[in-house]
PDB file of N, CA and C in Angstrom:
ATOM      1  N   UNK A   1      27.379 -48.147  -4.606  1.00  0.00           N
ATOM      2  CA  UNK A   1      26.916 -46.943  -3.955  1.00  0.00           C
ATOM      3  C   UNK A   1      28.052 -45.921  -3.830  1.00  0.00           C
ATOM      4  N   UNK A   2      29.210 -46.358  -3.456  1.00  0.00           N
ATOM      5  CA  UNK A   2      30.344 -45.453  -3.304  1.00  0.00           C
ATOM      6  C   UNK A   2      30.789 -44.888  -4.651  1.00  0.00           C
ATOM      7  N   UNK A   3      30.759 -45.703  -5.689  1.00  0.00           N
ATOM      8  CA  UNK A   3      31.181 -45.218  -7.004  1.00  0.00           C
ATOM      9  C   UNK A   3      30.190 -44.193  -7.550  1.00  0.00           C
ATOM     10  N   UNK A   4      28.903 -44.334  -7.223  1.00  0.00           N
ATOM     11  CA  UNK A   4      27.901 -43.372  -7.679  1.00  0.00           C
ATOM     12  C   UNK A   4      28.146 -42.010  -7.030  1.00  0.00           C
ATOM     13  N   UNK A   5      28.520 -42.005  -5.770  1.00  0.00           N
ATOM     14  CA  UNK A   5      28.810 -40.747  -5.069  1.00  0.00           C
ATOM     15  C   UNK A   5      30.059 -40.105  -5.651  1.00  0.00           C
ATOM     16  N   UNK A   6      31.070 -40.902  -5.927  1.00  0.00           N
ATOM     17  CA  UNK A   6      32.317 -40.377  -6.500  1.00  0.00           C
ATOM     18  C   UNK A   6      32.056 -39.779  -7.877  1.00  0.00           C
ATOM     19  N   UNK A   7      31.289 -40.476  -8.712  1.00  0.00           N
ATOM     20  CA  UNK A   7      30.965 -39.960 -10.043  1.00  0.00           C
ATOM     21  C   UNK A   7      30.119 -38.688  -9.952  1.00  0.00           C
ATOM     22  N   UNK A   8      29.203 -38.647  -9.012  1.00  0.00           N
ATOM     23  CA  UNK A   8      28.364 -37.458  -8.822  1.00  0.00           C
ATOM     24  C   UNK A   8      29.212 -36.264  -8.401  1.00  0.00           C
ATOM     25  N   UNK A   9      30.118 -36.471  -7.445  1.00  0.00           N
ATOM     26  CA  UNK A   9      30.992 -35.392  -6.996  1.00  0.00           C
ATOM     27  C   UNK A   9      31.910 -34.919  -8.130  1.00  0.00           C
ATOM     28  N   UNK A  10      32.421 -35.870  -8.896  1.00  0.00           N
ATOM     29  CA  UNK A  10      33.271 -35.528 -10.030  1.00  0.00           C
ATOM     30  C   UNK A  10      32.488 -34.710 -11.060  1.00  0.00           C
ATOM     31  N   UNK A  11      31.256 -35.115 -11.344  1.00  0.00           N
ATOM     32  CA  UNK A  11      30.391 -34.391 -12.285  1.00  0.00           C
ATOM     33  C   UNK A  11      30.087 -32.989 -11.792  1.00  0.00           C
ATOM     34  N   UNK A  12      29.796 -32.849 -10.495  1.00  0.00           N
ATOM     35  CA  UNK A  12      29.522 -31.530  -9.913  1.00  0.00           C
ATOM     36  C   UNK A  12      30.769 -30.656  -9.989  1.00  0.00           C
ATOM     37  N   UNK A  13      31.932 -31.229  -9.717  1.00  0.00           N
ATOM     38  CA  UNK A  13      33.192 -30.489  -9.806  1.00  0.00           C
ATOM     39  C   UNK A  13      33.431 -29.989 -11.231  1.00  0.00           C
ATOM     40  N   UNK A  14      33.207 -30.823 -12.212  1.00  0.00           N
ATOM     41  CA  UNK A  14      33.381 -30.438 -13.621  1.00  0.00           C
ATOM     42  C   UNK A  14      32.391 -29.332 -13.983  1.00  0.00           C
ATOM     43  N   UNK A  15      31.140 -29.462 -13.568  1.00  0.00           N
ATOM     44  CA  UNK A  15      30.120 -28.463 -13.868  1.00  0.00           C
ATOM     45  C   UNK A  15      30.469 -27.113 -13.239  1.00  0.00           C
ATOM     46  N   UNK A  16      30.894 -27.117 -11.990  1.00  0.00           N
ATOM     47  CA  UNK A  16      31.283 -25.885 -11.306  1.00  0.00           C
ATOM     48  C   UNK A  16      32.512 -25.277 -11.988  1.00  0.00           C
ATOM     49  N   UNK A  17      33.455 -26.112 -12.400  1.00  0.00           N
ATOM     50  CA  UNK A  17      34.649 -25.610 -13.095  1.00  0.00           C
ATOM     51  C   UNK A  17      34.277 -24.924 -14.401  1.00  0.00           C
ATOM     52  N   UNK A  18      33.390 -25.518 -15.159  1.00  0.00           N
ATOM     53  CA  UNK A  18      32.954 -24.935 -16.431  1.00  0.00           C
ATOM     54  C   UNK A  18      32.263 -23.597 -16.186  1.00  0.00           C
ATOM     55  N   UNK A  19      31.422 -23.532 -15.177  1.00  0.00           N
ATOM     56  CA  UNK A  19      30.722 -22.278 -14.862  1.00  0.00           C
ATOM     57  C   UNK A  19      31.716 -21.196 -14.456  1.00  0.00           C
ATOM     58  N   UNK A  20      32.681 -21.541 -13.625  1.00  0.00           N
ATOM     59  CA  UNK A  20      33.675 -20.555 -13.183  1.00  0.00           C
ATOM     60  C   UNK A  20      34.511 -20.061 -14.355  1.00  0.00           C
ATOM     61  N   UNK A  21      34.978 -20.962 -15.214  1.00  0.00           N
ATOM     62  CA  UNK A  21      35.779 -20.545 -16.371  1.00  0.00           C
ATOM     63  C   UNK A  21      34.962 -19.695 -17.339  1.00  0.00           C
ATOM     64  N   UNK A  22      33.692 -20.003 -17.503  1.00  0.00           N
ATOM     65  CA  UNK A  22      32.838 -19.231 -18.392  1.00  0.00           C
ATOM     66  C   UNK A  22      32.621 -17.825 -17.856  1.00  0.00           C
ATOM     67  N   UNK A  23      32.378 -17.708 -16.574  1.00  0.00           N
ATOM     68  CA  UNK A  23      32.140 -16.388 -15.983  1.00  0.00           C
ATOM     69  C   UNK A  23      33.411 -15.551 -15.904  1.00  0.00           C
ATOM     70  N   UNK A  24      34.550 -16.187 -15.754  1.00  0.00           N
ATOM     71  CA  UNK A  24      35.810 -15.457 -15.639  1.00  0.00           C
ATOM     72  C   UNK A  24      36.479 -15.181 -16.975  1.00  0.00           C
ATOM     73  N   UNK A  25      35.932 -15.714 -18.044  1.00  0.00           N
ATOM     74  CA  UNK A  25      36.566 -15.475 -19.343  1.00  0.00           C
ATOM     75  C   UNK A  25      36.471 -13.995 -19.681  1.00  0.00           C
ATOM     76  N   UNK A  26      37.572 -13.459 -20.171  1.00  0.00           N
ATOM     77  CA  UNK A  26      37.644 -12.034 -20.472  1.00  0.00           C
ATOM     78  C   UNK A  26      37.076 -11.769 -21.857  1.00  0.00           C
ATOM     79  N   UNK A  27      36.551 -10.575 -22.007  1.00  0.00           N
ATOM     80  CA  UNK A  27      36.035 -10.165 -23.302  1.00  0.00           C
ATOM     81  C   UNK A  27      37.220  -9.858 -24.222  1.00  0.00           C
ATOM     82  N   UNK A  28      37.023  -9.988 -25.514  1.00  0.00           N
ATOM     83  CA  UNK A  28      38.127  -9.683 -26.440  1.00  0.00           C
ATOM     84  C   UNK A  28      38.596  -8.240 -26.268  1.00  0.00           C
ATOM     85  N   UNK A  29      39.899  -8.053 -26.310  1.00  0.00           N
ATOM     86  CA  UNK A  29      40.468  -6.726 -26.105  1.00  0.00           C
ATOM     87  C   UNK A  29      40.484  -5.902 -27.379  1.00  0.00           C
ATOM     88  N   UNK A  30      40.500  -6.550 -28.524  1.00  0.00           N
ATOM     89  CA  UNK A  30      40.615  -5.834 -29.794  1.00  0.00           C
ATOM     90  C   UNK A  30      39.256  -5.611 -30.452  1.00  0.00           C
ATOM     91  N   UNK A  31      38.330  -5.070 -29.723  1.00  0.00           N
ATOM     92  CA  UNK A  31      37.044  -4.729 -30.308  1.00  0.00           C
ATOM     93  C   UNK A  31      37.191  -3.381 -30.983  1.00  0.00           C
ATOM     94  N   UNK A  32      36.959  -3.366 -32.281  1.00  0.00           N
ATOM     95  CA  UNK A  32      37.165  -2.144 -33.062  1.00  0.00           C
ATOM     96  C   UNK A  32      35.838  -1.404 -33.206  1.00  0.00           C
ATOM     97  N   UNK A  33      35.928  -0.093 -33.198  1.00  0.00           N
ATOM     98  CA  UNK A  33      34.726   0.715 -33.415  1.00  0.00           C
ATOM     99  C   UNK A  33      34.360   0.669 -34.896  1.00  0.00           C
ATOM    100  N   UNK A  34      33.181   1.158 -35.175  1.00  0.00           N
ATOM    101  CA  UNK A  34      32.696   1.166 -36.556  1.00  0.00           C
ATOM    102  C   UNK A  34      33.599   2.017 -37.443  1.00  0.00           C
ATOM    103  N   UNK A  35      34.032   3.167 -36.925  1.00  0.00           N
ATOM    104  CA  UNK A  35      34.898   4.052 -37.718  1.00  0.00           C
ATOM    105  C   UNK A  35      36.268   3.434 -37.964  1.00  0.00           C
ATOM    106  N   UNK A  36      36.814   2.733 -36.970  1.00  0.00           N
ATOM    107  CA  UNK A  36      38.104   2.068 -37.152  1.00  0.00           C
ATOM    108  C   UNK A  36      37.994   0.980 -38.213  1.00  0.00           C
ATOM    109  N   UNK A  37      36.918   0.220 -38.185  1.00  0.00           N
ATOM    110  CA  UNK A  37      36.731  -0.853 -39.160  1.00  0.00           C
ATOM    111  C   UNK A  37      36.565  -0.275 -40.564  1.00  0.00           C
ATOM    112  N   UNK A  38      35.822   0.838 -40.673  1.00  0.00           N
ATOM    113  CA  UNK A  38      35.669   1.487 -41.973  1.00  0.00           C
ATOM    114  C   UNK A  38      37.016   1.940 -42.520  1.00  0.00           C
ATOM    115  N   UNK A  39      37.808   2.583 -41.673  1.00  0.00           N
ATOM    116  CA  UNK A  39      39.120   3.072 -42.098  1.00  0.00           C
ATOM    117  C   UNK A  39      40.020   1.915 -42.527  1.00  0.00           C
ATOM    118  N   UNK A  40      39.946   0.817 -41.803  1.00  0.00           N
ATOM    119  CA  UNK A  40      40.754  -0.356 -42.147  1.00  0.00           C
ATOM    120  C   UNK A  40      40.346  -0.919 -43.502  1.00  0.00           C
ATOM    121  N   UNK A  41      39.050  -1.003 -43.752  1.00  0.00           N
ATOM    122  CA  UNK A  41      38.551  -1.515 -45.034  1.00  0.00           C
ATOM    123  C   UNK A  41      38.991  -0.598 -46.172  1.00  0.00           C
ATOM    124  N   UNK A  42      38.882   0.714 -45.967  1.00  0.00           N
ATOM    125  CA  UNK A  42      39.286   1.669 -47.006  1.00  0.00           C
ATOM    126  C   UNK A  42      40.775   1.574 -47.307  1.00  0.00           C
ATOM    127  N   UNK A  43      41.582   1.432 -46.287  1.00  0.00           N
ATOM    128  CA  UNK A  43      43.030   1.303 -46.496  1.00  0.00           C
ATOM    129  C   UNK A  43      43.359   0.050 -47.291  1.00  0.00           C
ATOM    130  N   UNK A  44      42.666  -1.031 -47.007  1.00  0.00           N
ATOM    131  CA  UNK A  44      42.887  -2.279 -47.748  1.00  0.00           C
ATOM    132  C   UNK A  44      42.565  -2.063 -49.231  1.00  0.00           C
ATOM    133  N   UNK A  45      41.440  -1.387 -49.519  1.00  0.00           N
ATOM    134  CA  UNK A  45      41.075  -1.135 -50.918  1.00  0.00           C
ATOM    135  C   UNK A  45      42.069  -0.201 -51.602  1.00  0.00           C
ATOM    136  N   UNK A  46      42.561   0.812 -50.893  1.00  0.00           N
ATOM    137  CA  UNK A  46      43.546   1.719 -51.481  1.00  0.00           C
ATOM    138  C   UNK A  46      44.826   0.978 -51.847  1.00  0.00           C
ATOM    139  N   UNK A  47      45.263   0.104 -50.954  1.00  0.00           N
ATOM    140  CA  UNK A  47      46.477  -0.677 -51.209  1.00  0.00           C
ATOM    141  C   UNK A  47      46.275  -1.613 -52.396  1.00  0.00           C
ATOM    142  N   UNK A  48      45.110  -2.273 -52.449  1.00  0.00           N
ATOM    143  CA  UNK A  48      44.819  -3.167 -53.575  1.00  0.00           C
ATOM    144  C   UNK A  48      44.833  -2.411 -54.898  1.00  0.00           C
ATOM    145  N   UNK A  49      44.240  -1.236 -54.894  1.00  0.00           N
ATOM    146  CA  UNK A  49      44.182  -0.431 -56.113  1.00  0.00           C
ATOM    147  C   UNK A  49      45.577   0.015 -56.543  1.00  0.00           C
ATOM    148  N   UNK A  50      46.386   0.442 -55.597  1.00  0.00           N
ATOM    149  CA  UNK A  50      47.753   0.861 -55.919  1.00  0.00           C
ATOM    150  C   UNK A  50      48.577  -0.297 -56.467  1.00  0.00           C
ATOM    151  N   UNK A  51      48.444  -1.472 -55.846  1.00  0.00           N
ATOM    152  CA  UNK A  51      49.204  -2.637 -56.318  1.00  0.00           C
ATOM    153  C   UNK A  51      48.764  -3.069 -57.704  1.00  0.00           C
ATOM    154  N   UNK A  52      47.467  -2.978 -57.979  1.00  0.00           N
ATOM    155  CA  UNK A  52      46.964  -3.404 -59.286  1.00  0.00           C
ATOM    156  C   UNK A  52      47.379  -2.435 -60.383  1.00  0.00           C
ATOM    157  N   UNK A  53      47.497  -1.147 -60.048  1.00  0.00           N
ATOM    158  CA  UNK A  53      47.818  -0.145 -61.065  1.00  0.00           C
ATOM    159  C   UNK A  53      49.310   0.117 -61.216  1.00  0.00           C
ATOM    160  N   UNK A  54      50.101  -0.314 -60.268  1.00  0.00           N
ATOM    161  CA  UNK A  54      51.542  -0.046 -60.309  1.00  0.00           C
ATOM    162  C   UNK A  54      52.228  -0.582 -61.571  1.00  0.00           C
ATOM    163  N   UNK A  55      51.949  -1.804 -62.017  1.00  0.00           N
ATOM    164  CA  UNK A  55      52.652  -2.291 -63.221  1.00  0.00           C
ATOM    165  C   UNK A  55      52.199  -1.604 -64.512  1.00  0.00           C
ATOM    166  N   UNK A  56      51.087  -0.865 -64.457  1.00  0.00           N
ATOM    167  CA  UNK A  56      50.535  -0.258 -65.672  1.00  0.00           C
ATOM    168  C   UNK A  56      50.807   1.239 -65.751  1.00  0.00           C
ATOM    169  N   UNK A  57      51.915   1.702 -65.205  1.00  0.00           N
ATOM    170  CA  UNK A  57      52.226   3.134 -65.192  1.00  0.00           C
ATOM    171  C   UNK A  57      52.260   3.734 -66.590  1.00  0.00           C
ATOM    172  N   UNK A  58      52.849   3.044 -67.524  1.00  0.00           N
ATOM    173  CA  UNK A  58      53.097   3.600 -68.852  1.00  0.00           C
ATOM    174  C   UNK A  58      51.911   3.467 -69.805  1.00  0.00           C
ATOM    175  N   UNK A  59      51.046   2.506 -69.584  1.00  0.00           N
ATOM    176  CA  UNK A  59      49.922   2.259 -70.492  1.00  0.00           C
ATOM    177  C   UNK A  59      48.641   2.853 -69.900  1.00  0.00           C
ATOM    178  N   UNK A  60      48.274   4.042 -70.377  1.00  0.00           N
ATOM    179  CA  UNK A  60      47.138   4.764 -69.806  1.00  0.00           C
ATOM    180  C   UNK A  60      45.806   4.064 -70.063  1.00  0.00           C
ATOM    181  N   UNK A  61      45.639   3.482 -71.252  1.00  0.00           N
ATOM    182  CA  UNK A  61      44.371   2.802 -71.564  1.00  0.00           C
ATOM    183  C   UNK A  61      44.181   1.569 -70.680  1.00  0.00           C
ATOM    184  N   UNK A  62      45.222   0.775 -70.550  1.00  0.00           N
ATOM    185  CA  UNK A  62      45.135  -0.418 -69.708  1.00  0.00           C
ATOM    186  C   UNK A  62      44.932  -0.026 -68.244  1.00  0.00           C
ATOM    187  N   UNK A  63      45.598   1.043 -67.845  1.00  0.00           N
ATOM    188  CA  UNK A  63      45.459   1.525 -66.465  1.00  0.00           C
ATOM    189  C   UNK A  63      44.025   1.989 -66.206  1.00  0.00           C
ATOM    190  N   UNK A  64      43.437   2.708 -67.159  1.00  0.00           N
ATOM    191  CA  UNK A  64      42.067   3.192 -67.023  1.00  0.00           C
ATOM    192  C   UNK A  64      41.080   2.023 -66.957  1.00  0.00           C
ATOM    193  N   UNK A  65      41.276   1.024 -67.815  1.00  0.00           N
ATOM    194  CA  UNK A  65      40.392  -0.149 -67.807  1.00  0.00           C
ATOM    195  C   UNK A  65      40.512  -0.930 -66.499  1.00  0.00           C
ATOM    196  N   UNK A  66      41.732  -1.124 -66.052  1.00  0.00           N
ATOM    197  CA  UNK A  66      41.959  -1.859 -64.803  1.00  0.00           C
ATOM    198  C   UNK A  66      41.356  -1.114 -63.622  1.00  0.00           C
ATOM    199  N   UNK A  67      41.547   0.204 -63.615  1.00  0.00           N
ATOM    200  CA  UNK A  67      41.007   1.021 -62.521  1.00  0.00           C
ATOM    201  C   UNK A  67      39.482   0.967 -62.526  1.00  0.00           C
ATOM    202  N   UNK A  68      38.898   1.032 -63.689  1.00  0.00           N
ATOM    203  CA  UNK A  68      37.442   0.955 -63.811  1.00  0.00           C
ATOM    204  C   UNK A  68      36.919  -0.390 -63.295  1.00  0.00           C
ATOM    205  N   UNK A  69      37.580  -1.464 -63.688  1.00  0.00           N
ATOM    206  CA  UNK A  69      37.173  -2.796 -63.223  1.00  0.00           C
ATOM    207  C   UNK A  69      37.315  -2.924 -61.706  1.00  0.00           C
ATOM    208  N   UNK A  70      38.421  -2.419 -61.185  1.00  0.00           N
ATOM    209  CA  UNK A  70      38.649  -2.492 -59.741  1.00  0.00           C
ATOM    210  C   UNK A  70      37.603  -1.674 -58.978  1.00  0.00           C
ATOM    211  N   UNK A  71      37.288  -0.482 -59.472  1.00  0.00           N
ATOM    212  CA  UNK A  71      36.301   0.358 -58.806  1.00  0.00           C
ATOM    213  C   UNK A  71      34.907  -0.265 -58.835  1.00  0.00           C
ATOM    214  N   UNK A  72      34.568  -0.945 -59.927  1.00  0.00           N
ATOM    215  CA  UNK A  72      33.288  -1.662 -59.990  1.00  0.00           C
ATOM    216  C   UNK A  72      33.243  -2.781 -58.954  1.00  0.00           C
ATOM    217  N   UNK A  73      34.336  -3.509 -58.867  1.00  0.00           N
ATOM    218  CA  UNK A  73      34.422  -4.610 -57.900  1.00  0.00           C
ATOM    219  C   UNK A  73      34.324  -4.071 -56.466  1.00  0.00           C
ATOM    220  N   UNK A  74      35.049  -3.000 -56.188  1.00  0.00           N
ATOM    221  CA  UNK A  74      35.043  -2.406 -54.846  1.00  0.00           C
ATOM    222  C   UNK A  74      33.653  -1.871 -54.523  1.00  0.00           C
ATOM    223  N   UNK A  75      33.020  -1.212 -55.475  1.00  0.00           N
ATOM    224  CA  UNK A  75      31.675  -0.686 -55.265  1.00  0.00           C
ATOM    225  C   UNK A  75      30.690  -1.806 -54.956  1.00  0.00           C
ATOM    226  N   UNK A  76      30.809  -2.896 -55.684  1.00  0.00           N
ATOM    227  CA  UNK A  76      29.935  -4.046 -55.451  1.00  0.00           C
ATOM    228  C   UNK A  76      30.144  -4.621 -54.049  1.00  0.00           C
ATOM    229  N   UNK A  77      31.395  -4.756 -53.643  1.00  0.00           N
ATOM    230  CA  UNK A  77      31.696  -5.298 -52.319  1.00  0.00           C
ATOM    231  C   UNK A  77      31.224  -4.360 -51.210  1.00  0.00           C
ATOM    232  N   UNK A  78      31.444  -3.069 -51.386  1.00  0.00           N
ATOM    233  CA  UNK A  78      31.044  -2.106 -50.357  1.00  0.00           C
ATOM    234  C   UNK A  78      29.528  -2.004 -50.236  1.00  0.00           C
ATOM    235  N   UNK A  79      28.824  -2.157 -51.348  1.00  0.00           N
ATOM    236  CA  UNK A  79      27.364  -2.070 -51.284  1.00  0.00           C
ATOM    237  C   UNK A  79      26.765  -3.233 -50.492  1.00  0.00           C
ATOM    238  N   UNK A  80      27.496  -4.333 -50.397  1.00  0.00           N
ATOM    239  CA  UNK A  80      27.034  -5.472 -49.606  1.00  0.00           C
ATOM    240  C   UNK A  80      27.568  -5.456 -48.177  1.00  0.00           C
ATOM    241  N   UNK A  81      28.395  -4.477 -47.858  1.00  0.00           N
ATOM    242  CA  UNK A  81      28.997  -4.388 -46.532  1.00  0.00           C
ATOM    243  C   UNK A  81      28.045  -3.667 -45.588  1.00  0.00           C
ATOM    244  N   UNK A  82      27.908  -4.182 -44.365  1.00  0.00           N
ATOM    245  CA  UNK A  82      26.953  -3.607 -43.419  1.00  0.00           C
ATOM    246  C   UNK A  82      27.399  -2.269 -42.859  1.00  0.00           C
ATOM    247  N   UNK A  83      28.665  -1.927 -42.970  1.00  0.00           N
ATOM    248  CA  UNK A  83      29.177  -0.691 -42.401  1.00  0.00           C
ATOM    249  C   UNK A  83      28.899   0.529 -43.284  1.00  0.00           C
ATOM    250  N   UNK A  84      28.594   0.325 -44.554  1.00  0.00           N
ATOM    251  CA  UNK A  84      28.510   1.428 -45.502  1.00  0.00           C
ATOM    252  C   UNK A  84      27.114   1.527 -46.100  1.00  0.00           C
ATOM    253  N   UNK A  85      26.601   2.771 -46.185  1.00  0.00           N
ATOM    254  CA  UNK A  85      25.351   2.993 -46.906  1.00  0.00           C
ATOM    255  C   UNK A  85      25.680   3.481 -48.319  1.00  0.00           C
ATOM    256  N   UNK A  86      24.661   3.701 -49.139  1.00  0.00           N
ATOM    257  CA  UNK A  86      24.890   4.029 -50.552  1.00  0.00           C
ATOM    258  C   UNK A  86      25.629   5.353 -50.739  1.00  0.00           C
ATOM    259  N   UNK A  87      25.317   6.346 -49.920  1.00  0.00           N
ATOM    260  CA  UNK A  87      25.999   7.636 -50.043  1.00  0.00           C
ATOM    261  C   UNK A  87      27.490   7.509 -49.720  1.00  0.00           C
ATOM    262  N   UNK A  88      27.792   6.749 -48.692  1.00  0.00           N
ATOM    263  CA  UNK A  88      29.198   6.541 -48.328  1.00  0.00           C
ATOM    264  C   UNK A  88      29.939   5.784 -49.420  1.00  0.00           C
ATOM    265  N   UNK A  89      29.283   4.803 -50.016  1.00  0.00           N
ATOM    266  CA  UNK A  89      29.908   4.032 -51.099  1.00  0.00           C
ATOM    267  C   UNK A  89      30.242   4.956 -52.256  1.00  0.00           C
ATOM    268  N   UNK A  90      29.308   5.848 -52.605  1.00  0.00           N
ATOM    269  CA  UNK A  90      29.545   6.792 -53.695  1.00  0.00           C
ATOM    270  C   UNK A  90      30.730   7.707 -53.389  1.00  0.00           C
ATOM    271  N   UNK A  91      30.788   8.208 -52.150  1.00  0.00           N
ATOM    272  CA  UNK A  91      31.893   9.086 -51.758  1.00  0.00           C
ATOM    273  C   UNK A  91      33.238   8.345 -51.785  1.00  0.00           C
ATOM    274  N   UNK A  92      33.225   7.110 -51.335  1.00  0.00           N
ATOM    275  CA  UNK A  92      34.458   6.308 -51.310  1.00  0.00           C
ATOM    276  C   UNK A  92      34.947   6.033 -52.721  1.00  0.00           C
ATOM    277  N   UNK A  93      34.043   5.665 -53.593  1.00  0.00           N
ATOM    278  CA  UNK A  93      34.414   5.379 -54.988  1.00  0.00           C
ATOM    279  C   UNK A  93      34.951   6.652 -55.643  1.00  0.00           C
ATOM    280  N   UNK A  94      34.335   7.797 -55.347  1.00  0.00           N
ATOM    281  CA  UNK A  94      34.831   9.064 -55.896  1.00  0.00           C
ATOM    282  C   UNK A  94      36.233   9.361 -55.384  1.00  0.00           C
ATOM    283  N   UNK A  95      36.470   9.072 -54.113  1.00  0.00           N
ATOM    284  CA  UNK A  95      37.800   9.301 -53.543  1.00  0.00           C
ATOM    285  C   UNK A  95      38.838   8.354 -54.154  1.00  0.00           C
ATOM    286  N   UNK A  96      38.464   7.114 -54.349  1.00  0.00           N
ATOM    287  CA  UNK A  96      39.408   6.144 -54.930  1.00  0.00           C
ATOM    288  C   UNK A  96      39.649   6.426 -56.416  1.00  0.00           C
ATOM    289  N   UNK A  97      38.692   7.040 -57.073  1.00  0.00           N
ATOM    290  CA  UNK A  97      38.838   7.318 -58.500  1.00  0.00           C
ATOM    291  C   UNK A  97      39.861   8.417 -58.767  1.00  0.00           C
ATOM    292  N   UNK A  98      40.164   9.226 -57.756  1.00  0.00           N
ATOM    293  CA  UNK A  98      41.131  10.316 -57.937  1.00  0.00           C
ATOM    294  C   UNK A  98      42.514   9.794 -58.185  1.00  0.00           C
TER     295      UNK A  98
END
């Protein structure tokens, strides 16, 4: 009988502790807005494109082919991204193509 009371009190203490920790847990501080996330994604693609084209400075044909392949890949990825609609994807690809 005494052990049942001790186990019950211990169980209640654990349950109350879990509830208190759950209610007191803070929300993440680094919640990014939609525009911040878009800008971050675009910067990543710009850096990738620059790194891929940097070794091909002298060979214009290879650079053009690589850029075309990269832009197709980026367009495909952006079209599946929830942050971007088709018009935005077109504008982004046009900007990266410059």
